[in-house]
Structures are given as C-alpha cells and as structure tokens.
Amino acid sequence: MATLILNSEITPDLLGARLDQALAKLFPDYSRSRIKTWIEDDLVKVNGEICNVPKLKVYGGEQIEIQAEVEEDERFEPENLPLNIVYEDEHILVINKPKDFVVHPGAGNRNGTILNALLYHYPSIAEVPRAGIVHRLDKDTTGLMVVAKTIPAQTQLVRDLQKRKITREYEAVAFGVMTQGGKVDEPMARHPTKRTHMAVHPMGKPAVTHYRIMEHFRNYTRLRLRLETGRTHQIRVHMSHIAHPLLGDQTYGGRPRPPKNASPEFLEVLRNFKRQALHAVMLRLYHPITGELMEWHAPLPDDFVQLIDALKADYQLHKDELDY
C-alpha cells in the first residue's frame, strides 16, 4: 500500500457539477467509482473540511485535498522501453524525453509510455503515486522532466512545484516576428467545448509565462521561455493567445505558414516538422531529500536543430528583402 495525496482546485468550467464528477475530471488517472468511494470513506476534504457527499454541487474555486491508501497500481504493464537518463540517484531521476513519447497512460495510450518504462526499469516505483511522475510534457514536446523514485521525494517535489520552487525553461519557435520579450499573465481553464484543449479563461487558474527573444527569422521567432506556473499546454495556449502560436502546433493555430518565395528545401523541412516546436531545455530544483540546488540542460534534438538551420538559411537568403 502507498499513501496517495492529491491537491487541486475546482475550475470554473465545473460549475454545477457533482463533486464526484468534478473530481473525476480533475484527476483523470482515477475512475469516478474509485473517487466516489474515497468521498464516502471521508478521504476527501473540500476547503479543509471532510466532505462525504458525492452528489454535492460545486461552484468553482473550492480547494480539494485527497489522502488515501492505494494498492500498487497493477493496471499498467511494465515495458522494456529505453529511457534517456540524464541524472539518477536513489531518490530521483531526470529524463530527457524524446518526441512521440507519451508520459502517462490514458485513453488510446495504454502502453508504450514513460510510466510503463519506469515500472520495468524500477519495479519499486510502483509504490509511488503515478510511478513518481510529478509533472508531464506533452507527447511531442521534448526535453527534461524529473521523476521521484520514493514517496518522500515525490511529496517534496509536488510541494516545490506548488510553491514555484522548480524552474523549467524551454526553447520554442513561434509564428511571427516578435520585437521584444515579455510576460503572459493570463488564467487558464479547460476549453468550454473542446475537452482535450485548454484556453485562457478569466475564471481559470493563474498561469504566468515569461519569454525572451533569442533569434529572428522570416515570419518566425526563436524564444526562450520560463514557466512560473505549470498548467496543461500552458506555453502553447499563452503563445497562441498573443497571436504567436508555436510552429507546428496545429491544436492551437500553429499550422505551417511559409514565407513568400521560400525554397523547396525549406518548405520540405516545414512540412516534415510534424509537432510543436517546443523543447524543455533547462530544469533547476532543490533536491527533495538533500536540499542541494541542482541544474540540468538538454541539447536540442536533431529535428529541432534541422528546423533552426533551415530557418537560418532561409533568413540569410532573403535578409536583404526584409524591412525590420
């Protein structure tokens, strides 16, 4: 058995939902029947008070805490999949995630995930909630993520994330010529009609993204971004919100928009880059057990390097035509 601790806040889009329905949406890794049992067993607190009524209506903004004993998760099979380990000790490991690699099993992705690989390479990690996964990267986002190998490490890392003590920086290529860096401070919530999407919403959770310009190209800008918060799809949604969606991000408006008179070679690179141009390049945190400040960097993957090279070549070819 392992102690599971979950914390969240009821989002505005769940206004009027039953408590068990709302929690099933907030914690999709757990079935509604299991969540209902936790509520009935006095394991769920709403605004600090135990609530054992599954059909209680929620309004948005309620603070949720769940603390339950769970058996080792047998739903997911260990799989001998390679993991690119950047750092490892007895408490944590840091992974450089490639593209097209789902972090956690879900609908349509029951196998072939990082969680399946963790269960194979570290069998004891099954005792840790979510196999030690404390934050995620999207399937096609590459780069660094930390995993807890023990419950004490997992508990502390979750606290540090909530207190914004873990620093995550990304490189990205956004559509459009951006003239200066800045900050996007816009709350986010689940999209009101597209349930797999997120959106800027005035009643959503706070979300802050900092960005600075690294390099200009024709029609595109290379960025370095830092997350102050960690909402689902945060960078992708925030950049789309300010009309600079990430190159390749067709979910949030980043479909290919080649500049005029682009060479066939450049057009071919754009067509073949079939993901959002986003890479988690730096991770800095205090070790959850020793307290030591640690930092890792991950080089750009090959497809991202090829994209940057093509953007540079296109810029050099046409720079005399530009008026900026």
Protein backbone atom coordinates (compact mmCIF):
# COMPACT_ATOMS: atom_id res chain seq x y z
CA MET A 1 0.00 0.00 0.00
CA ALA A 2 1.09 3.57 -0.67
CA THR A 3 -0.20 6.91 0.58
CA LEU A 4 -1.70 8.97 -2.21
CA ILE A 5 -2.01 12.74 -1.76
CA LEU A 6 -3.82 14.80 -4.37
CA ASN A 7 -4.44 18.55 -4.29
CA SER A 8 -6.32 20.73 -6.75
CA GLU A 9 -8.90 23.46 -7.14
CA ILE A 10 -12.34 23.17 -8.71
CA THR A 11 -12.18 25.06 -12.01
CA PRO A 12 -14.93 27.46 -13.14
CA ASP A 13 -15.96 25.23 -16.03
CA LEU A 14 -17.15 22.63 -13.49
CA LEU A 15 -19.82 24.97 -12.07
CA GLY A 16 -22.89 22.95 -11.06
CA ALA A 17 -21.25 19.53 -11.41
CA ARG A 18 -21.46 16.84 -8.74
CA LEU A 19 -18.38 16.56 -6.56
CA ASP A 20 -17.55 13.05 -7.82
CA GLN A 21 -17.97 14.16 -11.44
CA ALA A 22 -15.77 17.20 -10.90
CA LEU A 23 -13.02 15.22 -9.21
CA ALA A 24 -13.08 12.59 -11.97
CA LYS A 25 -12.30 15.41 -14.42
CA LEU A 26 -9.62 16.95 -12.20
CA PHE A 27 -7.93 13.59 -11.59
CA PRO A 28 -8.45 11.59 -14.82
CA ASP A 29 -6.00 8.89 -13.71
CA TYR A 30 -8.62 7.59 -11.27
CA SER A 31 -12.06 6.25 -12.07
CA ARG A 32 -15.22 8.01 -10.93
CA SER A 33 -16.21 4.93 -8.92
CA ARG A 34 -12.92 4.99 -7.03
CA ILE A 35 -13.27 8.72 -6.36
CA LYS A 36 -16.84 8.21 -5.16
CA THR A 37 -15.59 5.57 -2.71
CA TRP A 38 -12.93 7.95 -1.42
CA ILE A 39 -15.59 10.62 -0.84
CA GLU A 40 -17.86 8.20 1.02
CA ASP A 41 -14.91 6.97 3.12
CA ASP A 42 -14.18 10.51 4.41
CA LEU A 43 -10.92 10.77 2.46
CA VAL A 44 -11.79 13.96 0.59
CA LYS A 45 -11.63 17.47 2.03
CA VAL A 46 -13.32 20.48 0.46
CA ASN A 47 -11.92 23.78 1.70
CA GLY A 48 -10.27 21.93 4.55
CA GLU A 49 -13.42 20.12 5.72
CA ILE A 50 -14.20 16.44 5.14
CA CYS A 51 -16.99 16.00 2.62
CA ASN A 52 -18.63 12.56 2.21
CA VAL A 53 -21.44 13.56 -0.20
CA PRO A 54 -20.58 12.54 -3.80
CA LYS A 55 -23.55 14.46 -5.25
CA LEU A 56 -22.62 17.76 -3.59
CA LYS A 57 -22.76 20.56 -6.16
CA VAL A 58 -19.56 22.52 -6.74
CA TYR A 59 -19.25 26.14 -7.83
CA GLY A 60 -15.59 26.69 -8.70
CA GLY A 61 -12.71 27.78 -6.52
CA GLU A 62 -13.10 25.08 -3.87
CA GLN A 63 -9.78 23.68 -2.61
CA ILE A 64 -9.63 19.90 -2.82
CA GLU A 65 -7.40 17.55 -0.85
CA ILE A 66 -7.49 13.77 -1.13
CA GLN A 67 -5.43 11.48 1.07
CA ALA A 68 -5.95 7.78 0.55
CA GLU A 69 -4.16 4.45 0.85
CA VAL A 70 -3.90 2.79 -2.54
CA GLU A 71 -2.62 -0.57 -3.63
CA GLU A 72 0.28 -0.76 -6.03
CA ASP A 73 -1.09 0.11 -9.44
CA GLU A 74 -1.48 -3.13 -11.39
CA ARG A 75 -3.39 -1.61 -14.29
CA PHE A 76 -0.28 -0.76 -16.25
CA GLU A 77 2.22 -3.27 -17.54
CA PRO A 78 5.98 -2.81 -17.21
CA GLU A 79 7.60 -2.48 -20.63
CA ASN A 80 11.24 -2.65 -21.60
CA LEU A 81 11.39 0.76 -23.29
CA PRO A 82 14.54 2.89 -23.38
CA LEU A 83 14.81 5.91 -21.11
CA ASN A 84 17.38 8.64 -21.72
CA ILE A 85 18.56 9.18 -18.14
CA VAL A 86 20.38 12.47 -17.57
CA TYR A 87 20.75 12.06 -13.80
CA GLU A 88 19.89 9.42 -11.24
CA ASP A 89 20.32 8.74 -7.53
CA GLU A 90 18.34 6.72 -5.01
CA HIS A 91 15.60 9.36 -4.75
CA ILE A 92 15.10 10.95 -8.19
CA LEU A 93 15.90 10.60 -11.85
CA VAL A 94 15.88 13.20 -14.60
CA ILE A 95 14.85 12.11 -18.10
CA ASN A 96 15.46 13.74 -21.48
CA LYS A 97 12.18 12.82 -23.20
CA PRO A 98 12.14 12.31 -26.98
CA LYS A 99 9.25 13.29 -29.24
CA ASP A 100 6.32 10.94 -29.80
CA PHE A 101 6.60 9.50 -26.27
CA VAL A 102 3.53 9.75 -24.03
CA VAL A 103 4.31 10.30 -20.34
CA HIS A 104 1.31 8.61 -18.69
CA PRO A 105 -1.17 6.01 -19.99
CA GLY A 106 -4.57 7.30 -20.96
CA ALA A 107 -7.32 6.83 -23.48
CA GLY A 108 -5.73 5.46 -26.63
CA ASN A 109 -2.31 5.15 -24.99
CA ARG A 110 -2.45 2.29 -22.50
CA ASN A 111 1.04 1.10 -23.34
CA GLY A 112 4.31 2.41 -24.67
CA THR A 113 4.53 5.28 -22.18
CA ILE A 114 7.21 6.59 -19.85
CA LEU A 115 5.23 5.20 -16.92
CA ASN A 116 5.33 1.70 -18.45
CA ALA A 117 9.08 2.06 -18.89
CA LEU A 118 9.56 3.26 -15.31
CA LEU A 119 7.66 0.24 -13.96
CA TYR A 120 10.03 -2.05 -15.89
CA HIS A 121 13.34 -0.40 -15.02
CA TYR A 122 12.38 0.47 -11.41
CA PRO A 123 9.82 -2.08 -10.12
CA SER A 124 9.68 -0.49 -6.65
CA ILE A 125 8.47 2.77 -8.20
CA ALA A 126 5.02 1.14 -8.41
CA GLU A 127 4.69 2.03 -4.71
CA VAL A 128 4.94 5.75 -5.54
CA PRO A 129 1.78 7.54 -6.75
CA ARG A 130 1.75 7.81 -10.56
CA ALA A 131 5.05 5.91 -10.59
CA GLY A 132 6.80 9.04 -9.38
CA ILE A 133 5.68 11.30 -12.23
CA VAL A 134 5.20 14.77 -10.74
CA HIS A 135 4.93 16.84 -13.93
CA ARG A 136 4.44 15.99 -17.57
CA LEU A 137 5.48 17.00 -21.04
CA ASP A 138 3.11 16.72 -23.98
CA LYS A 139 3.59 13.74 -26.28
CA ASP A 140 5.50 15.76 -28.88
CA THR A 141 7.31 18.14 -26.53
CA THR A 142 10.89 17.05 -25.92
CA GLY A 143 13.28 17.65 -23.05
CA LEU A 144 13.79 17.40 -19.33
CA MET A 145 11.44 16.07 -16.68
CA VAL A 146 12.06 14.85 -13.14
CA VAL A 147 10.66 11.64 -11.64
CA ALA A 148 10.54 10.71 -7.95
CA LYS A 149 11.71 7.21 -7.03
CA THR A 150 10.38 7.33 -3.45
CA ILE A 151 7.27 8.66 -1.74
CA PRO A 152 9.17 11.24 0.38
CA ALA A 153 10.85 12.59 -2.76
CA GLN A 154 7.54 12.68 -4.61
CA THR A 155 5.79 14.51 -1.77
CA GLN A 156 8.51 17.17 -1.57
CA LEU A 157 8.74 17.68 -5.33
CA VAL A 158 4.96 18.20 -5.54
CA ARG A 159 5.22 20.79 -2.75
CA ASP A 160 8.08 22.55 -4.52
CA LEU A 161 6.10 22.66 -7.76
CA GLN A 162 3.14 24.18 -5.95
CA LYS A 163 5.45 26.75 -4.31
CA ARG A 164 7.06 27.55 -7.68
CA LYS A 165 10.50 26.50 -6.43
CA ILE A 166 11.22 24.37 -9.51
CA THR A 167 12.44 26.29 -12.57
CA ARG A 168 11.66 24.99 -16.06
CA GLU A 169 12.89 26.74 -19.18
CA TYR A 170 12.04 25.92 -22.79
CA GLU A 171 13.14 26.79 -26.28
CA ALA A 172 10.48 27.31 -28.92
CA VAL A 173 9.87 28.69 -32.38
CA ALA A 174 6.79 30.91 -32.63
CA PHE A 175 4.99 32.26 -35.67
CA GLY A 176 5.52 35.94 -36.46
CA VAL A 177 8.31 38.45 -35.93
CA MET A 178 8.27 39.39 -32.25
CA THR A 179 10.01 42.67 -31.36
CA GLN A 180 10.54 42.21 -27.64
CA GLY A 181 10.27 39.75 -24.79
CA GLY A 182 7.66 39.90 -22.11
CA LYS A 183 5.26 38.03 -19.89
CA VAL A 184 1.87 36.44 -20.45
CA ASP A 185 -0.15 36.55 -17.23
CA GLU A 186 -3.49 35.02 -18.19
CA PRO A 187 -5.50 32.46 -16.19
CA MET A 188 -6.28 29.15 -17.86
CA ALA A 189 -9.01 26.52 -17.68
CA ARG A 190 -10.32 23.61 -19.67
CA HIS A 191 -11.77 24.75 -23.02
CA PRO A 192 -15.57 25.11 -22.63
CA THR A 193 -16.40 22.95 -25.66
CA LYS A 194 -13.19 21.15 -26.70
CA ARG A 195 -12.49 18.95 -23.71
CA THR A 196 -8.99 17.95 -24.77
CA HIS A 197 -7.96 21.59 -25.19
CA MET A 198 -7.09 24.32 -22.70
CA ALA A 199 -7.90 28.00 -23.05
CA VAL A 200 -7.35 31.39 -21.48
CA HIS A 201 -10.34 31.95 -19.19
CA PRO A 202 -10.92 34.84 -16.74
CA MET A 203 -12.09 32.40 -14.05
CA GLY A 204 -9.32 29.86 -14.62
CA LYS A 205 -6.24 29.07 -12.56
CA PRO A 206 -3.37 31.59 -12.51
CA ALA A 207 -0.85 30.99 -15.29
CA VAL A 208 2.30 33.01 -15.98
CA THR A 209 4.78 32.51 -18.82
CA HIS A 210 7.92 34.61 -19.31
CA TYR A 211 9.61 34.78 -22.70
CA ARG A 212 12.59 36.46 -24.33
CA ILE A 213 13.77 36.62 -27.92
CA MET A 214 16.76 34.52 -28.92
CA GLU A 215 16.77 34.95 -32.69
CA HIS A 216 14.68 36.37 -35.54
CA PHE A 217 13.85 34.61 -38.79
CA ARG A 218 11.50 35.40 -41.65
CA ASN A 219 7.97 35.04 -40.24
CA TYR A 220 9.25 33.20 -37.14
CA THR A 221 10.97 33.97 -33.84
CA ARG A 222 13.09 31.68 -31.69
CA LEU A 223 12.25 32.07 -27.99
CA ARG A 224 13.46 31.11 -24.55
CA LEU A 225 10.56 30.71 -22.13
CA ARG A 226 10.26 30.16 -18.39
CA LEU A 227 7.23 28.76 -16.65
CA GLU A 228 6.19 30.45 -13.43
CA THR A 229 3.23 28.08 -13.19
CA GLY A 230 2.65 24.70 -14.83
CA ARG A 231 -0.78 24.45 -16.40
CA THR A 232 -1.54 21.88 -19.06
CA HIS A 233 -0.43 23.17 -22.51
CA GLN A 234 0.48 26.48 -20.85
CA ILE A 235 3.17 27.72 -23.25
CA ARG A 236 1.19 26.59 -26.29
CA VAL A 237 -2.00 28.31 -25.13
CA HIS A 238 -0.30 31.52 -23.97
CA MET A 239 1.66 31.98 -27.19
CA SER A 240 -1.45 31.36 -29.26
CA HIS A 241 -3.32 33.87 -27.09
CA ILE A 242 -0.85 36.64 -28.01
CA ALA A 243 -1.13 35.66 -31.70
CA HIS A 244 2.24 33.89 -31.86
CA PRO A 245 1.37 30.17 -31.82
CA LEU A 246 4.23 27.70 -31.86
CA LEU A 247 5.39 26.43 -35.21
CA GLY A 248 3.86 23.02 -35.87
CA ASP A 249 1.22 23.29 -33.15
CA GLN A 250 -1.92 22.59 -35.16
CA THR A 251 -4.03 22.26 -32.00
CA TYR A 252 -3.53 25.93 -31.12
CA GLY A 253 -3.15 27.54 -34.53
CA GLY A 254 0.48 26.86 -35.41
CA ARG A 255 -0.13 25.31 -38.83
CA PRO A 256 2.67 25.87 -41.36
CA ARG A 257 2.76 29.42 -42.76
CA PRO A 258 5.78 29.54 -45.06
CA PRO A 259 7.10 32.96 -46.04
CA LYS A 260 6.98 34.18 -49.61
CA ASN A 261 9.44 32.74 -52.13
CA ALA A 262 10.56 30.00 -49.76
CA SER A 263 12.86 27.42 -51.32
CA PRO A 264 11.61 23.87 -51.94
CA GLU A 265 14.15 22.62 -49.42
CA PHE A 266 12.83 24.95 -46.72
CA LEU A 267 9.23 24.04 -47.49
CA GLU A 268 10.15 20.37 -47.17
CA VAL A 269 11.61 20.93 -43.68
CA LEU A 270 8.47 22.77 -42.58
CA ARG A 271 6.21 20.02 -43.94
CA ASN A 272 8.23 17.32 -42.19
CA PHE A 273 8.25 19.04 -38.80
CA LYS A 274 5.04 17.47 -37.54
CA ARG A 275 4.98 18.63 -33.92
CA GLN A 276 5.03 21.80 -31.85
CA ALA A 277 8.49 23.37 -31.80
CA LEU A 278 8.93 23.16 -28.04
CA HIS A 279 11.82 21.69 -26.03
CA ALA A 280 12.35 21.66 -22.25
CA VAL A 281 15.96 22.79 -22.27
CA MET A 282 16.69 23.51 -18.59
CA LEU A 283 15.49 22.14 -15.25
CA ARG A 284 16.58 23.56 -11.89
CA LEU A 285 15.39 22.35 -8.50
CA TYR A 286 16.35 21.74 -4.91
CA HIS A 287 16.97 18.04 -4.32
CA PRO A 288 13.87 16.85 -2.44
CA ILE A 289 15.91 15.00 0.20
CA THR A 290 19.31 16.72 0.46
CA GLY A 291 18.17 20.25 -0.35
CA GLU A 292 21.06 20.71 -2.80
CA LEU A 293 20.38 23.09 -5.69
CA MET A 294 20.74 21.12 -8.94
CA GLU A 295 20.50 22.09 -12.61
CA TRP A 296 20.45 20.18 -15.90
CA HIS A 297 20.47 21.17 -19.56
CA ALA A 298 19.31 19.18 -22.60
CA PRO A 299 20.58 19.96 -26.11
CA LEU A 300 18.07 20.50 -28.88
CA PRO A 301 17.00 17.24 -30.57
CA ASP A 302 18.03 16.58 -34.16
CA ASP A 303 14.72 17.57 -35.75
CA PHE A 304 14.74 20.89 -33.88
CA VAL A 305 18.34 21.56 -34.94
CA GLN A 306 17.41 20.84 -38.55
CA LEU A 307 14.48 23.24 -38.27
CA ILE A 308 16.65 26.04 -36.83
CA ASP A 309 19.27 25.50 -39.54
CA ALA A 310 16.59 25.72 -42.25
CA LEU A 311 15.14 28.90 -40.72
CA LYS A 312 18.60 30.47 -40.61
CA ALA A 313 19.33 29.52 -44.22
CA ASP A 314 16.00 30.98 -45.37
CA TYR A 315 16.70 34.18 -43.42
CA GLN A 316 20.17 34.59 -44.91
CA LEU A 317 18.79 34.05 -48.40
CA HIS A 318 16.16 36.76 -48.05
CA LYS A 319 17.51 39.16 -45.40
CA ASP A 320 18.10 41.98 -47.91
CA GLU A 321 14.38 41.97 -48.68
CA LEU A 322 13.29 42.48 -45.06
CA ASP A 323 12.27 45.82 -43.57
CA TYR A 324 12.98 45.03 -39.91
